[in-house]
Amino acid sequence: MKIMKLFLVEDDAFFGASIQYHLRLNPDFEVHLFPTAKACLAAMYLKPDVICMDFGLPDMPGDVLLQKLLATNPSLPVIILSGQEDIVTAVNLLKAGARDYIVKNEHAKDLLWNAIIKVRENLDLVKEVASLKEQLEQKYAFENTIIGKSDSIREVFSKLNKVIQTNITVSITGETGTGKEVVAKAIHYNSEKKAKPFVAVNMAAIPKEMMESEFFGHEKGAFTGADSRKIGKFEQAHGGTIFLDEIAELDLNLQSKLLRVLQEREVIRLGGKEVIKFEARLIVATHKDLAQEVKKGTFREDLYYRIIGFPIALPPLRDRGNDVLILAKHFIDVFVKENKMKPIHLSQEAKQKLMRYSFPGNVRELKAVIDLACVLCEQHQIEADDLTFTSLNDTTYFLGEEKTLKEHTTEIILHYLKKNNQDVLLTARKLDIGKSTIYNLLHSLEKLSL
C-alpha cells in the first residue's frame, strides 16, 4: 500500500509528539510535525495527503490557515484539532472546507486515527474512479474500438474526429454487424459528454405498444400495470447521449411524437402534465436507406431532415481488404486472454479462406467464426477446416440479382479492384486472370461513359 504523507500542525510539543508517535504505529503513515502555521506552509512542496492542524496556533488563526491550505489544493483533506467544544466554530470550519473537527480529549487520538483511515479510503476510491475513467476512455478510443487500417476505415476515423468537436446529431448507416453501436459509444466517450449517461434504445427490440412509455416514461396509474413512475429514455439521457438504433423501425405515429420531442427538447410522461426539459446529443443508426424509406412513405420526411445531421456510413467487411485479418487476430487475442489460453495463430490457408469469404454478417459474423475456430483448432493453430461459415444466405454475394455472365464478371472484377485499392496486378493474381483482361474491361467502361 502507498505510504500516506501526514502533516501534523501542533504548538503543544508534548501533545504533538504523543499524536505523532500514535500515528507512526501505522507503517503506512509518514508523519511530519510542525510547531507553527508558517512552518507547515513552507513545507507544502512535499505535497501532503492530509493535514491535521490545531485550531489555536500562536502565529496564525486556525480559519486563516485552513483558507491558505485549501488555496494550495481545494481537495486537500484538512482535519481540525481543537480544545474548543463550540458547535458554531466547528460548523463554520466544516462549511469552510475542513474534512473533520475533533475536540482534544481522551478520545482524540482514536478519533483522529479513524478520521485519517476514512480519508485514505476516500483517496483510494477517488484514485480507483480516476483509473476506471482512464480505462474507459482508452477502451473507447477510436483505434481501440474500431479495428482496421483500410482506407474506408481511415475515412470513418476522420469523420469521427470532426463530430466529437461539437454536439451535432449523427446518423450512422451500415449493414447489420458493421459496428454501429460501437461507433456511437466511441463518439460519446470521446466527447465532452463522456461523464454523462449513454442511453441506447433498440427500436426493433421494443414492442410497438411499449415504445411511448420507453421513450417518454409514465406516471403511476397511467395505464394498467403502471404500478410506479417510470423515467423515460430521454430523461435518463439528460446531459449525455441518446442512441436510437434501427430508427427506421419506428412506427409512423410515434415518428410524429419523436419529431416534436426533438424540436422542443422536452417530454411529458404518459399520464402526467409536467413538461420535462432535457438536453442530450442524438445519435441514430439504421441498416436501411432512410431516403428510400421516405420515398416509400414509411418514414417521415421532416423527421428525416431533423435526424440526418452528420452522416457516417460504415463500410461492409467485404470492402475492407486486409482489415479482415487484422480483426481476426484481434478477436483471437481477446478470446485467448479471456479464456486464459496459449497464443493461437492463423495458418496461411486459413487466412486465404477468410479473405475469400464475403461475410454477409460483417464484423459480428467474423467474431463468431473466430471464437468457434479458437475452440476447434489443434496445436494452437487455426486451419482452414476450423473456420465454419454458417451464413443464412447460401448464394454468393454477387448472385443476388439475375444478370448476364458478362455483367457478373464485370461486377466481380470491379469489386476486387475496389477491395485491392485499384491494384490491377494484385487483382489479376487473386482472380487468376490476365491483367490485360482487367485493362480491357476498364477501357470499355471508360468508352461507355464518354
Protein backbone atom coordinates (compact mmCIF):
# COMPACT_ATOMS: atom_id res chain seq x y z
CA MET A 1 0.00 0.00 0.00
CA LYS A 2 1.26 3.50 -0.84
CA ILE A 3 2.75 5.48 2.06
CA MET A 4 0.36 8.22 3.22
CA LYS A 5 2.06 11.55 4.00
CA LEU A 6 0.57 13.33 7.02
CA PHE A 7 1.24 16.87 8.27
CA LEU A 8 0.57 17.49 11.96
CA VAL A 9 0.48 21.17 12.94
CA GLU A 10 0.57 21.44 16.76
CA ASP A 11 2.28 24.03 19.03
CA ASP A 12 1.91 21.89 22.17
CA ALA A 13 5.14 19.93 22.00
CA PHE A 14 4.03 17.12 24.33
CA PHE A 15 0.60 16.64 22.68
CA GLY A 16 2.14 16.87 19.22
CA ALA A 17 4.82 14.28 19.98
CA SER A 18 2.22 11.98 21.53
CA ILE A 19 -0.05 12.19 18.44
CA GLN A 20 2.93 11.73 16.11
CA TYR A 21 4.04 8.59 17.96
CA HIS A 22 0.50 7.20 17.93
CA LEU A 23 0.08 7.74 14.19
CA ARG A 24 3.51 6.30 13.36
CA LEU A 25 2.37 2.98 14.78
CA ASN A 26 0.83 2.51 11.34
CA PRO A 27 3.79 1.78 9.00
CA ASP A 28 1.80 3.25 6.09
CA PHE A 29 1.76 6.70 7.75
CA GLU A 30 4.65 9.14 7.25
CA VAL A 31 4.09 11.86 9.87
CA HIS A 32 5.71 15.34 9.77
CA LEU A 33 5.26 17.51 12.89
CA PHE A 34 5.24 21.34 12.62
CA PRO A 35 5.02 23.74 15.62
CA THR A 36 3.66 26.71 13.61
CA ALA A 37 1.39 27.51 10.69
CA LYS A 38 4.22 29.19 8.77
CA ALA A 39 6.43 26.11 9.09
CA CYS A 40 3.62 23.98 7.65
CA LEU A 41 3.01 26.34 4.73
CA ALA A 42 6.75 26.42 3.95
CA ALA A 43 6.74 22.61 3.60
CA MET A 44 3.72 22.34 1.28
CA TYR A 45 6.06 21.49 -1.60
CA LEU A 46 6.20 17.99 -0.05
CA LYS A 47 2.54 17.54 -1.14
CA PRO A 48 0.91 16.01 1.95
CA ASP A 49 -2.06 13.66 1.56
CA VAL A 50 -3.80 15.00 4.67
CA ILE A 51 -3.22 17.77 7.25
CA CYS A 52 -4.17 17.61 10.93
CA MET A 53 -3.99 21.08 12.43
CA ASP A 54 -4.54 22.68 15.80
CA PHE A 55 -7.11 25.47 15.67
CA GLY A 56 -5.35 27.64 18.27
CA LEU A 57 -1.88 28.21 16.77
CA PRO A 58 0.32 31.08 18.07
CA ASP A 59 1.26 32.64 14.71
CA MET A 60 -1.98 32.36 12.72
CA PRO A 61 -5.71 31.89 13.40
CA GLY A 62 -6.95 28.40 12.50
CA ASP A 63 -9.54 29.60 9.99
CA VAL A 64 -6.88 31.65 8.15
CA LEU A 65 -4.52 28.66 7.93
CA LEU A 66 -7.37 26.49 6.65
CA GLN A 67 -8.10 29.05 3.93
CA LYS A 68 -4.43 29.19 2.88
CA LEU A 69 -4.11 25.39 2.79
CA LEU A 70 -7.21 24.95 0.65
CA ALA A 71 -5.98 27.70 -1.66
CA THR A 72 -2.97 25.49 -2.49
CA ASN A 73 -5.20 22.45 -3.09
CA PRO A 74 -9.03 22.74 -2.82
CA SER A 75 -9.42 18.96 -2.43
CA LEU A 76 -6.79 18.64 0.33
CA PRO A 77 -8.29 16.85 3.39
CA VAL A 78 -7.80 19.04 6.49
CA ILE A 79 -8.75 17.75 9.94
CA ILE A 80 -9.12 20.32 12.74
CA LEU A 81 -7.93 19.52 16.30
CA SER A 82 -9.23 21.96 18.88
CA GLY A 83 -9.71 22.42 22.60
CA GLN A 84 -12.92 24.30 21.86
CA GLU A 85 -16.23 22.48 22.04
CA ASP A 86 -18.12 25.40 20.49
CA ILE A 87 -20.58 23.96 17.94
CA VAL A 88 -20.78 27.19 15.94
CA THR A 89 -16.99 27.24 15.42
CA ALA A 90 -16.99 23.62 14.32
CA VAL A 91 -19.88 24.14 11.88
CA ASN A 92 -18.24 27.24 10.36
CA LEU A 93 -14.94 25.37 9.83
CA LEU A 94 -16.70 22.43 8.22
CA LYS A 95 -18.58 24.83 5.93
CA ALA A 96 -15.25 26.46 5.05
CA GLY A 97 -13.91 23.14 3.79
CA ALA A 98 -12.49 21.24 6.77
CA ARG A 99 -12.90 17.46 6.39
CA ASP A 100 -13.47 16.82 10.13
CA TYR A 101 -13.45 18.57 13.53
CA ILE A 102 -12.09 16.71 16.58
CA VAL A 103 -12.14 18.02 20.16
CA LYS A 104 -8.94 17.43 22.16
CA ASN A 105 -9.90 14.99 24.91
CA GLU A 106 -9.09 11.43 25.97
CA HIS A 107 -10.69 10.10 22.75
CA ALA A 108 -8.88 12.47 20.37
CA LYS A 109 -6.13 10.00 19.31
CA ASP A 110 -8.56 7.25 18.36
CA LEU A 111 -10.94 9.66 16.62
CA LEU A 112 -8.07 11.15 14.61
CA TRP A 113 -6.82 7.69 13.67
CA ASN A 114 -10.27 6.70 12.39
CA ALA A 115 -10.70 10.02 10.56
CA ILE A 116 -7.40 9.51 8.71
CA ILE A 117 -8.34 5.93 7.80
CA LYS A 118 -11.60 7.24 6.26
CA VAL A 119 -9.65 9.89 4.35
CA ARG A 120 -7.35 7.21 2.96
CA GLU A 121 -10.31 5.07 1.89
CA ASN A 122 -11.82 8.08 0.11
CA LEU A 123 -8.50 8.87 -1.58
CA ASP A 124 -8.18 5.25 -2.74
CA LEU A 125 -11.74 5.40 -4.07
CA VAL A 126 -11.04 8.64 -5.96
CA LYS A 127 -7.91 7.09 -7.49
CA GLU A 128 -9.84 3.96 -8.44
CA VAL A 129 -12.58 6.01 -10.10
CA ALA A 130 -9.94 8.05 -11.96
CA SER A 131 -8.25 4.82 -13.08
CA LEU A 132 -11.55 3.32 -14.24
CA LYS A 133 -12.36 6.55 -16.08
CA GLU A 134 -8.98 6.42 -17.82
CA GLN A 135 -9.54 2.75 -18.73
CA LEU A 136 -12.98 3.63 -20.09
CA GLU A 137 -11.53 6.41 -22.21
CA GLN A 138 -8.82 4.07 -23.51
CA LYS A 139 -11.39 1.34 -24.15
CA TYR A 140 -13.44 3.64 -26.36
CA ALA A 141 -10.54 5.38 -28.07
CA PHE A 142 -11.22 5.13 -31.80
CA GLU A 143 -8.18 2.95 -32.53
CA ASN A 144 -9.20 0.53 -29.75
CA THR A 145 -12.86 0.20 -30.67
CA ILE A 146 -12.81 0.35 -34.45
CA ILE A 147 -10.09 -2.04 -35.55
CA GLY A 148 -8.66 -1.65 -39.02
CA LYS A 149 -6.31 0.24 -41.33
CA SER A 150 -8.19 0.24 -44.64
CA ASP A 151 -8.85 3.50 -46.47
CA SER A 152 -12.58 3.20 -45.76
CA ILE A 153 -11.98 2.90 -42.01
CA ARG A 154 -9.48 5.77 -42.04
CA GLU A 155 -12.22 7.87 -43.62
CA VAL A 156 -14.54 6.91 -40.75
CA PHE A 157 -11.83 7.93 -38.24
CA SER A 158 -11.55 11.29 -39.98
CA LYS A 159 -15.30 11.89 -39.67
CA LEU A 160 -15.37 10.80 -36.03
CA ASN A 161 -12.62 13.25 -35.14
CA LYS A 162 -14.80 16.00 -36.59
CA VAL A 163 -18.09 15.09 -34.92
CA ILE A 164 -16.65 14.83 -31.40
CA GLN A 165 -15.75 18.52 -31.53
CA THR A 166 -19.44 19.50 -31.47
CA ASN A 167 -22.81 18.16 -30.30
CA ILE A 168 -24.22 17.76 -33.81
CA THR A 169 -26.72 14.95 -34.37
CA VAL A 170 -25.07 11.92 -36.01
CA SER A 171 -26.74 9.36 -38.28
CA ILE A 172 -24.87 6.08 -38.73
CA THR A 173 -25.70 3.73 -41.58
CA GLY A 174 -24.30 0.34 -42.41
CA GLU A 175 -25.20 -3.30 -42.85
CA THR A 176 -26.07 -5.44 -39.85
CA GLY A 177 -22.95 -6.32 -37.89
CA THR A 178 -20.76 -3.44 -39.06
CA GLY A 179 -20.50 -1.97 -35.55
CA LYS A 180 -22.93 0.94 -35.46
CA GLU A 181 -23.38 0.89 -31.67
CA VAL A 182 -19.61 0.59 -31.17
CA VAL A 183 -19.18 3.78 -33.21
CA ALA A 184 -21.96 5.53 -31.27
CA LYS A 185 -20.24 4.71 -27.96
CA ALA A 186 -16.90 5.85 -29.34
CA ILE A 187 -18.43 9.23 -30.24
CA HIS A 188 -19.98 9.62 -26.78
CA TYR A 189 -16.92 8.57 -24.76
CA ASN A 190 -14.60 10.79 -26.78
CA SER A 191 -16.83 13.87 -26.46
CA GLU A 192 -17.34 16.42 -23.69
CA LYS A 193 -20.42 14.41 -22.62
CA LYS A 194 -18.40 11.31 -21.70
CA ALA A 195 -19.05 11.72 -17.95
CA LYS A 196 -22.82 11.76 -18.55
CA PRO A 197 -25.14 8.83 -19.44
CA PHE A 198 -25.04 6.93 -22.73
CA VAL A 199 -28.55 5.54 -23.26
CA ALA A 200 -29.07 3.04 -26.09
CA VAL A 201 -32.53 2.15 -27.41
CA ASN A 202 -33.04 -0.63 -29.96
CA MET A 203 -36.26 0.19 -31.80
CA ALA A 204 -36.57 -3.31 -33.25
CA ALA A 205 -36.48 -4.90 -29.77
CA ILE A 206 -39.31 -2.87 -28.16
CA PRO A 207 -42.96 -3.87 -28.70
CA LYS A 208 -44.91 -1.16 -30.51
CA GLU A 209 -47.32 -0.65 -27.62
CA MET A 210 -44.45 -0.10 -25.17
CA MET A 211 -42.40 2.36 -27.19
CA GLU A 212 -44.07 5.54 -25.95
CA SER A 213 -43.58 4.51 -22.33
CA GLU A 214 -39.94 3.57 -23.01
CA PHE A 215 -39.24 6.89 -24.72
CA PHE A 216 -41.12 9.34 -22.56
CA GLY A 217 -41.77 7.46 -19.31
CA HIS A 218 -45.06 7.27 -17.42
CA GLU A 219 -46.68 8.25 -14.13
CA LYS A 220 -48.08 5.78 -11.65
CA GLY A 221 -51.52 4.67 -12.77
CA ALA A 222 -51.09 5.96 -16.34
CA PHE A 223 -52.28 2.59 -17.65
CA THR A 224 -52.99 -0.92 -16.40
CA GLY A 225 -49.80 -2.31 -14.91
CA ALA A 226 -48.19 1.10 -14.30
CA ASP A 227 -47.61 0.48 -10.59
CA SER A 228 -44.99 3.20 -10.21
CA ARG A 229 -43.48 6.17 -12.02
CA LYS A 230 -41.04 5.31 -14.79
CA ILE A 231 -38.39 7.65 -16.16
CA GLY A 232 -38.18 7.56 -19.96
CA LYS A 233 -35.04 7.14 -22.05
CA PHE A 234 -34.84 10.84 -22.97
CA GLU A 235 -34.90 11.87 -19.30
CA GLN A 236 -32.28 9.22 -18.50
CA ALA A 237 -30.01 10.62 -21.21
CA HIS A 238 -30.17 14.22 -19.94
CA GLY A 239 -26.74 15.80 -20.28
CA GLY A 240 -25.38 12.82 -22.19
CA THR A 241 -26.18 10.92 -25.38
CA ILE A 242 -29.26 9.01 -26.54
CA PHE A 243 -28.63 6.40 -29.24
CA LEU A 244 -31.67 5.30 -31.26
CA ASP A 245 -30.69 2.11 -33.05
CA GLU A 246 -32.70 0.86 -36.06
CA ILE A 247 -34.57 4.18 -36.23
CA ALA A 248 -36.27 3.07 -39.48
CA GLU A 249 -38.33 0.54 -37.47
CA LEU A 250 -40.13 3.33 -35.60
CA ASP A 251 -43.91 3.41 -36.06
CA LEU A 252 -45.18 6.34 -38.14
CA ASN A 253 -47.45 7.56 -35.34
CA LEU A 254 -44.52 7.64 -32.94
CA GLN A 255 -42.35 9.35 -35.53
CA SER A 256 -44.52 12.48 -35.27
CA LYS A 257 -44.25 12.48 -31.47
CA LEU A 258 -40.48 11.94 -31.64
CA LEU A 259 -40.21 14.86 -34.05
CA ARG A 260 -41.92 17.18 -31.58
CA VAL A 261 -39.69 15.97 -28.73
CA LEU A 262 -36.55 16.62 -30.78
CA GLN A 263 -37.78 20.05 -31.86
CA GLU A 264 -38.85 21.22 -28.40
CA ARG A 265 -36.28 19.24 -26.35
CA GLU A 266 -38.97 18.38 -23.83
CA VAL A 267 -41.12 15.39 -22.88
CA ILE A 268 -44.33 14.77 -20.93
CA ARG A 269 -44.62 11.40 -19.22
CA LEU A 270 -47.69 9.30 -20.07
CA GLY A 271 -50.43 10.17 -17.62
CA GLY A 272 -48.59 13.30 -16.50
CA LYS A 273 -48.81 17.04 -17.10
CA GLU A 274 -45.34 18.24 -16.13
CA VAL A 275 -43.20 19.42 -19.04
CA ILE A 276 -39.69 17.99 -18.55
CA LYS A 277 -36.84 19.68 -20.37
CA PHE A 278 -33.85 17.60 -21.45
CA GLU A 279 -30.62 18.20 -23.32
CA ALA A 280 -28.89 15.25 -24.93
CA ARG A 281 -26.92 14.51 -28.04
CA LEU A 282 -28.83 12.40 -30.56
CA ILE A 283 -27.21 9.55 -32.48
CA VAL A 284 -29.36 7.37 -34.74
CA ALA A 285 -28.48 4.25 -36.71
CA THR A 286 -30.10 2.04 -39.31
CA HIS A 287 -29.17 -0.66 -41.80
CA LYS A 288 -31.79 0.71 -44.19
CA ASP A 289 -31.60 3.57 -46.69
CA LEU A 290 -33.68 6.23 -44.93
CA ALA A 291 -34.04 8.31 -48.09
CA GLN A 292 -35.67 5.31 -49.79
CA GLU A 293 -37.89 4.77 -46.73
CA VAL A 294 -39.06 8.39 -47.09
CA LYS A 295 -39.88 7.79 -50.76
CA LYS A 296 -41.83 4.63 -49.82
CA GLY A 297 -43.82 6.60 -47.24
CA THR A 298 -42.65 4.55 -44.25
CA PHE A 299 -40.54 7.35 -42.77
CA ARG A 300 -41.48 10.99 -42.28
CA GLU A 301 -39.57 13.44 -44.44
CA ASP A 302 -39.50 16.15 -41.75
CA LEU A 303 -38.09 13.67 -39.19
CA TYR A 304 -35.54 12.52 -41.75
CA TYR A 305 -34.13 16.04 -42.10
CA ARG A 306 -34.22 16.50 -38.32
CA ILE A 307 -32.06 13.43 -37.61
CA ILE A 308 -29.77 13.20 -40.64
CA GLY A 309 -27.23 15.58 -39.05
CA PHE A 310 -23.69 14.37 -39.76
CA PRO A 311 -23.99 11.11 -41.76
CA ILE A 312 -21.40 8.36 -41.23
CA ALA A 313 -21.58 5.30 -43.49
CA LEU A 314 -19.81 2.21 -42.15
CA PRO A 315 -18.31 0.02 -44.88
CA PRO A 316 -19.18 -3.69 -45.04
CA LEU A 317 -16.36 -6.02 -44.06
CA ARG A 318 -16.05 -7.39 -47.61
CA ASP A 319 -14.91 -3.92 -48.76
CA ARG A 320 -12.24 -3.52 -46.08
CA GLY A 321 -9.47 -5.67 -47.56
CA ASN A 322 -6.83 -6.80 -45.05
CA ASP A 323 -8.92 -5.48 -42.15
CA VAL A 324 -10.43 -8.98 -42.12
CA LEU A 325 -7.09 -10.43 -40.97
CA ILE A 326 -6.40 -7.55 -38.57
CA LEU A 327 -9.79 -8.06 -36.95
CA ALA A 328 -9.36 -11.84 -36.91
CA LYS A 329 -6.09 -11.50 -35.00
CA HIS A 330 -7.71 -9.05 -32.59
CA PHE A 331 -10.60 -11.43 -31.88
CA ILE A 332 -8.16 -14.34 -31.41
CA ASP A 333 -6.11 -12.32 -28.90
CA VAL A 334 -9.24 -11.29 -26.98
CA PHE A 335 -10.59 -14.86 -26.87
CA VAL A 336 -7.23 -16.26 -25.75
CA LYS A 337 -6.91 -13.68 -22.98
CA GLU A 338 -10.47 -14.10 -21.71
CA ASN A 339 -10.13 -17.90 -21.63
CA LYS A 340 -6.53 -18.00 -20.34
CA MET A 341 -5.29 -20.00 -23.32
CA LYS A 342 -1.92 -20.17 -25.00
CA PRO A 343 -1.39 -17.97 -28.09
CA ILE A 344 -3.25 -19.12 -31.21
CA HIS A 345 -2.17 -18.38 -34.78
CA LEU A 346 -3.85 -18.43 -38.20
CA SER A 347 -2.41 -20.71 -40.86
CA GLN A 348 -1.82 -19.31 -44.33
CA GLU A 349 -4.67 -21.43 -45.71
CA ALA A 350 -7.00 -20.10 -43.01
CA LYS A 351 -6.05 -16.52 -43.90
CA GLN A 352 -6.79 -17.17 -47.55
CA LYS A 353 -10.18 -18.70 -46.67
CA LEU A 354 -11.08 -15.65 -44.58
CA MET A 355 -10.10 -13.27 -47.38
CA ARG A 356 -12.21 -15.15 -49.93
CA TYR A 357 -15.40 -15.07 -47.86
CA SER A 358 -17.86 -12.17 -48.25
CA PHE A 359 -19.05 -12.02 -44.58
CA PRO A 360 -22.70 -11.04 -45.03
CA GLY A 361 -22.86 -10.76 -41.21
CA ASN A 362 -19.83 -8.46 -41.24
CA VAL A 363 -17.67 -7.95 -38.13
CA ARG A 364 -20.19 -9.66 -35.85
CA GLU A 365 -20.08 -12.79 -38.03
CA LEU A 366 -16.27 -12.74 -38.16
CA LYS A 367 -16.07 -12.69 -34.36
CA ALA A 368 -18.42 -15.66 -34.09
CA VAL A 369 -16.38 -17.58 -36.68
CA ILE A 370 -13.09 -16.84 -34.90
CA ASP A 371 -14.41 -17.68 -31.42
CA LEU A 372 -15.57 -21.08 -32.67
CA ALA A 373 -12.30 -21.68 -34.53
CA CYS A 374 -10.31 -20.98 -31.34
CA VAL A 375 -12.23 -23.79 -29.66
CA LEU A 376 -11.97 -26.23 -32.58
CA CYS A 377 -8.33 -25.75 -33.51
CA GLU A 378 -5.48 -28.12 -32.58
CA GLN A 379 -1.85 -27.35 -31.74
CA HIS A 380 -2.69 -23.68 -31.14
CA GLN A 381 -3.17 -23.00 -34.86
CA ILE A 382 -6.37 -22.31 -36.75
CA GLU A 383 -6.52 -24.22 -40.02
CA ALA A 384 -8.90 -23.61 -42.90
CA ASP A 385 -11.14 -26.50 -41.80
CA ASP A 386 -11.58 -24.86 -38.38
CA LEU A 387 -13.33 -21.88 -40.00
CA THR A 388 -17.03 -22.68 -40.19
CA PHE A 389 -19.24 -20.29 -42.13
CA THR A 390 -22.94 -20.67 -41.34
CA SER A 391 -24.36 -17.82 -43.39
CA LEU A 392 -28.15 -17.84 -43.74
CA ASN A 393 -27.61 -16.89 -47.37
CA ASP A 394 -26.13 -19.83 -49.29
CA THR A 395 -25.81 -17.87 -52.55
CA THR A 396 -22.68 -15.96 -53.39
CA TYR A 397 -22.64 -12.22 -52.75
CA PHE A 398 -22.62 -11.46 -56.47
CA LEU A 399 -25.61 -13.69 -57.30
CA GLY A 400 -28.24 -11.59 -55.53
CA GLU A 401 -29.76 -10.45 -58.86
CA GLU A 402 -30.29 -12.06 -62.24
CA LYS A 403 -27.54 -10.80 -64.58
CA THR A 404 -25.65 -11.97 -67.62
CA LEU A 405 -22.29 -13.73 -67.17
CA LYS A 406 -20.56 -10.65 -68.60
CA GLU A 407 -22.32 -8.40 -66.08
CA HIS A 408 -21.38 -10.72 -63.21
CA THR A 409 -17.77 -10.82 -64.41
CA THR A 410 -17.63 -7.04 -64.60
CA GLU A 411 -19.10 -6.66 -61.13
CA ILE A 412 -16.68 -9.19 -59.63
CA ILE A 413 -13.63 -7.55 -61.17
CA LEU A 414 -14.73 -4.05 -60.11
CA HIS A 415 -15.44 -5.32 -56.61
CA TYR A 416 -11.95 -6.79 -56.22
CA LEU A 417 -10.35 -3.71 -57.75
CA LYS A 418 -12.02 -1.61 -55.08
CA LYS A 419 -11.09 -4.11 -52.39
CA ASN A 420 -7.45 -4.01 -53.53
CA ASN A 421 -7.31 -0.21 -53.85
CA GLN A 422 -7.36 -0.33 -57.69
CA ASP A 423 -4.24 -2.51 -57.79
CA VAL A 424 -4.64 -4.25 -61.17
CA LEU A 425 -1.74 -6.69 -60.76
CA LEU A 426 -2.89 -7.84 -57.32
CA THR A 427 -6.48 -8.24 -58.53
CA ALA A 428 -5.38 -10.22 -61.56
CA ARG A 429 -3.30 -12.53 -59.37
CA LYS A 430 -6.13 -13.10 -56.85
CA LEU A 431 -8.73 -13.80 -59.57
CA ASP A 432 -6.23 -15.83 -61.60
CA ILE A 433 -6.86 -13.84 -64.80
CA GLY A 434 -4.60 -11.86 -67.09
CA LYS A 435 -4.04 -8.20 -66.31
CA SER A 436 -4.95 -7.39 -69.92
CA THR A 437 -8.48 -8.68 -69.21
CA ILE A 438 -8.86 -6.05 -66.48
CA TYR A 439 -7.32 -3.27 -68.58
CA ASN A 440 -9.64 -4.11 -71.50
CA LEU A 441 -12.64 -4.05 -69.17
CA LEU A 442 -11.67 -0.67 -67.74
CA HIS A 443 -11.07 0.68 -71.24
CA SER A 444 -14.50 -0.48 -72.45
CA LEU A 445 -16.21 1.02 -69.39
CA GLU A 446 -14.37 4.29 -69.99
CA LYS A 447 -15.60 4.37 -73.60
CA LEU A 448 -19.20 3.74 -72.46
CA SER A 449 -19.05 6.66 -70.02
CA LEU A 450 -17.95 9.10 -72.76
